[in-house]
C-alpha atoms as a PDB file:
ATOM      1  CA  MET A   1      30.075 -11.439  70.712  1.00  0.00           C
ATOM      2  CA  LEU A   2      28.315  -7.691  70.901  1.00  0.00           C
ATOM      3  CA  ASN A   3      31.639  -6.387  68.799  1.00  0.00           C
ATOM      4  CA  LYS A   4      30.541  -8.970  66.224  1.00  0.00           C
ATOM      5  CA  LEU A   5      26.774  -8.000  66.254  1.00  0.00           C
ATOM      6  CA  VAL A   6      27.747  -4.244  66.100  1.00  0.00           C
ATOM      7  CA  TYR A   7      30.122  -4.998  62.888  1.00  0.00           C
ATOM      8  CA  SER A   8      27.684  -7.045  61.099  1.00  0.00           C
ATOM      9  CA  LEU A   9      24.907  -4.451  61.398  1.00  0.00           C
ATOM     10  CA  LEU A  10      27.374  -1.723  60.245  1.00  0.00           C
ATOM     11  CA  PHE A  11      28.679  -3.745  57.494  1.00  0.00           C
ATOM     12  CA  SER A  12      25.127  -4.790  56.307  1.00  0.00           C
ATOM     13  CA  LEU A  13      24.012  -0.983  56.502  1.00  0.00           C
ATOM     14  CA  PHE A  14      26.691   0.106  54.494  1.00  0.00           C
ATOM     15  CA  PHE A  15      26.487  -2.114  51.806  1.00  0.00           C
ATOM     16  CA  SER A  16      22.532  -1.826  51.957  1.00  0.00           C
ATOM     17  CA  GLY A  17      23.243   1.857  51.270  1.00  0.00           C
ATOM     18  CA  VAL A  18      25.910   1.105  48.477  1.00  0.00           C
ATOM     19  CA  ILE A  19      23.211  -1.158  46.984  1.00  0.00           C
ATOM     20  CA  PHE A  20      20.250   1.628  47.144  1.00  0.00           C
ATOM     21  CA  ALA A  21      23.096   4.208  45.628  1.00  0.00           C
ATOM     22  CA  GLN A  22      23.736   1.869  42.807  1.00  0.00           C
ATOM     23  CA  GLU A  23      20.172   1.439  42.034  1.00  0.00           C
ATOM     24  CA  ASN A  24      19.714   5.056  41.639  1.00  0.00           C
ATOM     25  CA  LYS A  25      22.507   5.268  39.610  1.00  0.00           C
ATOM     26  CA  LYS A  26      21.265   2.532  37.371  1.00  0.00           C
ATOM     27  CA  THR A  27      18.019   4.679  37.107  1.00  0.00           C
ATOM     28  CA  GLU A  28      19.742   7.670  35.909  1.00  0.00           C
ATOM     29  CA  ASP A  29      22.016   5.826  33.308  1.00  0.00           C
ATOM     30  CA  ILE A  30      18.908   4.316  32.102  1.00  0.00           C
ATOM     31  CA  ASN A  31      16.839   7.753  31.624  1.00  0.00           C
ATOM     32  CA  THR A  32      20.027   8.995  29.552  1.00  0.00           C
ATOM     33  CA  ASP A  33      20.316   6.030  27.493  1.00  0.00           C
ATOM     34  CA  LEU A  34      16.045   6.097  26.830  1.00  0.00           C
ATOM     35  CA  VAL A  35      16.960   9.921  25.367  1.00  0.00           C
ATOM     36  CA  VAL A  36      19.575   8.439  22.989  1.00  0.00           C
ATOM     37  CA  VAL A  37      16.931   5.813  21.715  1.00  0.00           C
ATOM     38  CA  LYS A  38      14.175   8.817  21.179  1.00  0.00           C
ATOM     39  CA  ASP A  39      17.104  10.372  18.823  1.00  0.00           C
ATOM     40  CA  SER A  40      16.591   7.110  16.846  1.00  0.00           C
ATOM     41  CA  ILE A  41      14.083   6.054  14.428  1.00  0.00           C
ATOM     42  CA  LYS A  42      11.743   3.695  16.527  1.00  0.00           C
ATOM     43  CA  THR A  43       8.822   1.650  15.792  1.00  0.00           C
ATOM     44  CA  LYS A  44       5.762   2.103  17.879  1.00  0.00           C
ATOM     45  CA  ARG A  45       4.621  -1.252  19.689  1.00  0.00           C
ATOM     46  CA  GLU A  46       1.096  -1.555  20.546  1.00  0.00           C
ATOM     47  CA  PRO A  47       0.070  -3.090  23.869  1.00  0.00           C
ATOM     48  CA  LEU A  48       0.343  -6.600  24.365  1.00  0.00           C
ATOM     49  CA  ASN A  49      -3.309  -7.928  25.256  1.00  0.00           C
ATOM     50  CA  VAL A  50      -2.832 -10.973  27.538  1.00  0.00           C
ATOM     51  CA  LEU A  51      -6.020 -12.079  26.849  1.00  0.00           C
ATOM     52  CA  ALA A  52      -5.882 -12.846  23.240  1.00  0.00           C
ATOM     53  CA  PRO A  53      -4.504 -16.580  23.438  1.00  0.00           C
ATOM     54  CA  SER A  54      -7.693 -17.434  25.772  1.00  0.00           C
ATOM     55  CA  LYS A  55     -10.209 -15.587  23.802  1.00  0.00           C
ATOM     56  CA  ALA A  56      -8.763 -17.488  20.802  1.00  0.00           C
ATOM     57  CA  ALA A  57      -9.071 -20.852  22.440  1.00  0.00           C
ATOM     58  CA  PHE A  58     -12.179 -20.250  23.389  1.00  0.00           C
ATOM     59  CA  TYR A  59     -13.502 -19.150  20.199  1.00  0.00           C
ATOM     60  CA  SER A  60     -11.971 -22.234  18.757  1.00  0.00           C
ATOM     61  CA  ALA A  61     -13.571 -24.318  21.364  1.00  0.00           C
ATOM     62  CA  ILE A  62     -17.326 -23.025  20.675  1.00  0.00           C
ATOM     63  CA  LEU A  63     -16.696 -23.432  16.471  1.00  0.00           C
ATOM     64  CA  PRO A  64     -13.598 -24.632  15.095  1.00  0.00           C
ATOM     65  CA  GLY A  65     -12.014 -22.185  13.138  1.00  0.00           C
ATOM     66  CA  LEU A  66     -13.330 -19.371  14.679  1.00  0.00           C
ATOM     67  CA  GLY A  67     -10.149 -18.861  16.517  1.00  0.00           C
ATOM     68  CA  GLN A  68      -8.198 -18.681  13.802  1.00  0.00           C
ATOM     69  CA  ALA A  69     -10.146 -16.004  12.348  1.00  0.00           C
ATOM     70  CA  TYR A  70      -9.895 -14.016  15.646  1.00  0.00           C
ATOM     71  CA  ASN A  71      -5.959 -14.280  14.838  1.00  0.00           C
ATOM     72  CA  LYS A  72      -6.662 -13.383  11.125  1.00  0.00           C
ATOM     73  CA  LYS A  73      -5.030 -16.403  10.253  1.00  0.00           C
ATOM     74  CA  TYR A  74      -8.486 -17.045   7.619  1.00  0.00           C
ATOM     75  CA  TRP A  75      -6.127 -19.443   5.222  1.00  0.00           C
ATOM     76  CA  LYS A  76      -6.125 -21.990   8.218  1.00  0.00           C
ATOM     77  CA  ILE A  77     -10.064 -22.103   8.575  1.00  0.00           C
ATOM     78  CA  PRO A  78     -10.512 -25.040   5.674  1.00  0.00           C
ATOM     79  CA  ILE A  79      -7.652 -27.008   7.008  1.00  0.00           C
ATOM     80  CA  ALA A  80      -9.474 -26.790  10.388  1.00  0.00           C
ATOM     81  CA  TYR A  81     -12.349 -27.978   8.747  1.00  0.00           C
ATOM     82  CA  ALA A  82     -10.525 -30.770   6.608  1.00  0.00           C
ATOM     83  CA  LEU A  83      -8.512 -32.016   9.645  1.00  0.00           C
ATOM     84  CA  ILE A  84     -11.867 -32.316  11.558  1.00  0.00           C
ATOM     85  CA  GLY A  85     -14.291 -33.251   9.143  1.00  0.00           C
ATOM     86  CA  THR A  86     -12.242 -36.038   7.631  1.00  0.00           C
ATOM     87  CA  PRO A  87     -12.227 -38.389  10.785  1.00  0.00           C
ATOM     88  CA  LEU A  88     -15.953 -37.139  11.270  1.00  0.00           C
ATOM     89  CA  TYR A  89     -16.446 -38.878   7.773  1.00  0.00           C
ATOM     90  CA  PHE A  90     -14.958 -42.215   8.328  1.00  0.00           C
ATOM     91  CA  TYR A  91     -16.696 -42.056  11.953  1.00  0.00           C
ATOM     92  CA  ILE A  92     -19.965 -42.161  10.289  1.00  0.00           C
ATOM     93  CA  LYS A  93     -19.295 -44.457   7.370  1.00  0.00           C
ATOM     94  CA  ASN A  94     -17.961 -47.110   9.817  1.00  0.00           C
ATOM     95  CA  ASP A  95     -21.031 -46.245  12.237  1.00  0.00           C
ATOM     96  CA  LYS A  96     -23.481 -47.221   8.970  1.00  0.00           C
ATOM     97  CA  ASP A  97     -21.433 -50.227   7.985  1.00  0.00           C
ATOM     98  CA  TYR A  98     -21.203 -51.061  11.652  1.00  0.00           C
ATOM     99  CA  ASN A  99     -25.365 -51.145  12.067  1.00  0.00           C
ATOM    100  CA  LEU A 100     -25.714 -52.519   8.633  1.00  0.00           C
ATOM    101  CA  TYR A 101     -23.535 -55.802   9.631  1.00  0.00           C
ATOM    102  CA  ARG A 102     -25.322 -56.022  12.911  1.00  0.00           C
ATOM    103  CA  ASP A 103     -28.679 -55.670  11.791  1.00  0.00           C
ATOM    104  CA  ALA A 104     -27.864 -58.496   9.248  1.00  0.00           C
ATOM    105  CA  TYR A 105     -26.047 -60.790  12.020  1.00  0.00           C
ATOM    106  CA  LYS A 106     -29.243 -59.880  14.206  1.00  0.00           C
ATOM    107  CA  ARG A 107     -31.394 -60.984  11.244  1.00  0.00           C
ATOM    108  CA  ARG A 108     -29.779 -64.358  11.428  1.00  0.00           C
ATOM    109  CA  LEU A 109     -30.459 -65.090  14.900  1.00  0.00           C
ATOM    110  CA  ALA A 110     -33.845 -64.511  14.189  1.00  0.00           C
ATOM    111  CA  GLY A 111     -34.215 -67.311  12.447  1.00  0.00           C
ATOM    112  CA  PHE A 112     -33.741 -66.161   8.701  1.00  0.00           C
ATOM    113  CA  GLY A 113     -30.890 -68.230   7.131  1.00  0.00           C
ATOM    114  CA  GLN A 114     -27.682 -67.028   5.131  1.00  0.00           C
ATOM    115  CA  GLY A 115     -28.900 -65.815   1.411  1.00  0.00           C
ATOM    116  CA  SER A 116     -32.524 -65.827   2.601  1.00  0.00           C
ATOM    117  CA  GLU A 117     -34.652 -63.346   0.659  1.00  0.00           C
ATOM    118  CA  GLY A 118     -33.089 -59.563   2.080  1.00  0.00           C
ATOM    119  CA  ASP A 119     -30.465 -60.516   3.239  1.00  0.00           C
ATOM    120  CA  PRO A 120     -27.324 -57.802   2.365  1.00  0.00           C
ATOM    121  CA  PHE A 121     -24.535 -60.262   2.562  1.00  0.00           C
ATOM    122  CA  PRO A 122     -25.724 -63.628   1.375  1.00  0.00           C
ATOM    123  CA  ASN A 123     -21.869 -64.527   1.080  1.00  0.00           C
ATOM    124  CA  VAL A 124     -20.523 -63.822   4.726  1.00  0.00           C
ATOM    125  CA  SER A 125     -20.787 -66.132   7.282  1.00  0.00           C
ATOM    126  CA  ASN A 126     -21.813 -65.550  10.401  1.00  0.00           C
ATOM    127  CA  ASP A 127     -18.480 -65.630  12.042  1.00  0.00           C
ATOM    128  CA  GLY A 128     -17.745 -62.929   9.158  1.00  0.00           C
ATOM    129  CA  LEU A 129     -20.404 -60.833   9.982  1.00  0.00           C
ATOM    130  CA  ILE A 130     -19.026 -60.835  13.691  1.00  0.00           C
ATOM    131  CA  ARG A 131     -15.587 -60.088  12.324  1.00  0.00           C
ATOM    132  CA  ALA A 132     -16.940 -57.336  10.343  1.00  0.00           C
ATOM    133  CA  GLN A 133     -18.635 -55.845  13.438  1.00  0.00           C
ATOM    134  CA  GLN A 134     -15.291 -56.063  15.801  1.00  0.00           C
ATOM    135  CA  GLN A 135     -13.410 -54.489  12.729  1.00  0.00           C
ATOM    136  CA  LEU A 136     -15.947 -51.468  12.368  1.00  0.00           C
ATOM    137  CA  ARG A 137     -16.390 -51.001  15.530  1.00  0.00           C
ATOM    138  CA  ARG A 138     -12.361 -50.309  16.076  1.00  0.00           C
ATOM    139  CA  ASN A 139     -12.399 -48.068  12.973  1.00  0.00           C
ATOM    140  CA  LYS A 140     -15.220 -46.293  14.119  1.00  0.00           C
ATOM    141  CA  GLU A 141     -13.009 -45.565  17.959  1.00  0.00           C
ATOM    142  CA  LEU A 142     -10.304 -44.554  16.084  1.00  0.00           C
ATOM    143  CA  ALA A 143     -12.053 -42.179  13.826  1.00  0.00           C
ATOM    144  CA  LEU A 144     -13.849 -40.975  16.887  1.00  0.00           C
ATOM    145  CA  LEU A 145     -10.527 -40.497  18.668  1.00  0.00           C
ATOM    146  CA  ILE A 146      -8.661 -38.905  15.584  1.00  0.00           C
ATOM    147  CA  THR A 147     -11.833 -36.635  15.552  1.00  0.00           C
ATOM    148  CA  ILE A 148     -11.531 -35.635  18.967  1.00  0.00           C
ATOM    149  CA  GLY A 149      -7.478 -34.945  18.825  1.00  0.00           C
ATOM    150  CA  MET A 150      -7.795 -32.616  15.815  1.00  0.00           C
ATOM    151  CA  TYR A 151     -10.161 -30.744  17.370  1.00  0.00           C
ATOM    152  CA  ALA A 152      -8.230 -30.292  20.502  1.00  0.00           C
ATOM    153  CA  LEU A 153      -5.399 -29.266  17.761  1.00  0.00           C
ATOM    154  CA  ASN A 154      -7.429 -26.798  16.533  1.00  0.00           C
ATOM    155  CA  ILE A 155      -7.628 -25.057  20.124  1.00  0.00           C
ATOM    156  CA  ILE A 156      -4.350 -25.441  20.727  1.00  0.00           C
ATOM    157  CA  ASP A 157      -3.648 -23.769  17.107  1.00  0.00           C
ATOM    158  CA  ALA A 158      -5.452 -21.177  17.951  1.00  0.00           C
ATOM    159  CA  ASN A 159      -3.823 -20.312  21.360  1.00  0.00           C
ATOM    160  CA  VAL A 160      -0.402 -20.594  20.169  1.00  0.00           C
ATOM    161  CA  ASP A 161      -0.969 -18.670  17.106  1.00  0.00           C
ATOM    162  CA  ALA A 162      -2.511 -15.995  19.267  1.00  0.00           C
ATOM    163  CA  HIS A 163       0.785 -16.086  21.895  1.00  0.00           C
ATOM    164  CA  LEU A 164       3.054 -15.956  18.617  1.00  0.00           C
ATOM    165  CA  LEU A 165       1.342 -12.834  17.204  1.00  0.00           C
ATOM    166  CA  GLN A 166       2.467 -11.056  20.161  1.00  0.00           C
ATOM    167  CA  PHE A 167       5.966 -11.985  20.003  1.00  0.00           C
ATOM    168  CA  ASN A 168       8.738  -9.339  19.512  1.00  0.00           C
ATOM    169  CA  VAL A 169      10.390  -9.485  15.865  1.00  0.00           C
ATOM    170  CA  ASP A 170      11.444  -6.207  15.673  1.00  0.00           C
ATOM    171  CA  GLU A 171      14.641  -4.511  15.333  1.00  0.00           C
ATOM    172  CA  ASP A 172      15.342  -4.029  19.038  1.00  0.00           C
ATOM    173  CA  LEU A 173      16.101  -7.234  19.563  1.00  0.00           C
ATOM    174  CA  SER A 174      18.236  -8.820  16.657  1.00  0.00           C
ATOM    175  CA  LEU A 175      20.832 -11.347  15.598  1.00  0.00           C
ATOM    176  CA  ARG A 176      23.012 -10.362  12.860  1.00  0.00           C
ATOM    177  CA  PRO A 177      26.338 -11.641  11.535  1.00  0.00           C
ATOM    178  CA  HIS A 178      29.197  -9.657  11.136  1.00  0.00           C
ATOM    179  CA  PHE A 179      32.765  -9.432   9.518  1.00  0.00           C
ATOM    180  CA  LYS A 180      35.129  -7.366  11.925  1.00  0.00           C
ATOM    181  CA  TYR A 181      38.714  -6.798  10.995  1.00  0.00           C
ATOM    182  CA  ASN A 182      41.452  -7.788  13.397  1.00  0.00           C
ATOM    183  CA  GLN A 183      44.433  -5.188  13.173  1.00  0.00           C
ATOM    184  CA  MET A 184      46.510  -7.067  15.640  1.00  0.00           C
ATOM    185  CA  GLU A 185      46.554 -10.091  14.006  1.00  0.00           C
ATOM    186  CA  ASN A 186      45.769  -8.666  10.167  1.00  0.00           C
ATOM    187  CA  ASN A 187      43.001 -10.493   9.432  1.00  0.00           C
ATOM    188  CA  THR A 188      39.024 -10.779   9.670  1.00  0.00           C
ATOM    189  CA  ASP A 189      37.075 -12.263  12.009  1.00  0.00           C
ATOM    190  CA  LEU A 190      33.258 -13.981  11.921  1.00  0.00           C
ATOM    191  CA  GLY A 191      30.982 -13.517  14.581  1.00  0.00           C
ATOM    192  CA  PHE A 192      27.555 -12.633  15.306  1.00  0.00           C
ATOM    193  CA  THR A 193      26.158  -9.510  17.158  1.00  0.00           C
ATOM    194  CA  LEU A 194      22.940 -10.033  19.768  1.00  0.00           C
ATOM    195  CA  ASN A 195      21.485  -6.246  20.001  1.00  0.00           C
ATOM    196  CA  PHE A 196      19.075  -5.758  23.047  1.00  0.00           C
ATOM    197  CA  LYS A 197      17.553  -2.162  23.309  1.00  0.00           C
ATOM    198  CA  PHE A 198      15.378  -1.503  25.754  1.00  0.00           C
END
């Protein structure tokens, strides 16, 4: 039992030393690779701003389109206002029509008959006024839900766009097709090359 413990301890110490030795060797290889990379033309990258997506989302939550302006995507601002403003317009219109039908129905309940003086809907029955109110209420609520959804979409768009602006799309990470002549089979091979440079 003691021999197994001693052997396992020696075994683990030996491999931990090998692991540390390999780690140091990899570090040296990386340093020599960095010297080679420095000889090639390399673009200087700006450091990532990890708070940029949250700032863009916060700005869009305060004022729709402000997050898009923060991301310098000015062409998205009119789209954001159109997507929020259109259902908001229909909400306001349906709310006014709903109030008009409701007031006409209340007027009839107060004793003014259908077609009396001042009745805005002389050809509509009481049941028609009730159905119109129900339909306009549904339309109003649906327009409000769409407005809230478009407002949330505006915030999500600003956040995602700020994330994508920091995405690395330079030559250090590339996927390119290539043709290679295969001398053994005397033909060409088509393939893809994925390059990583660190």
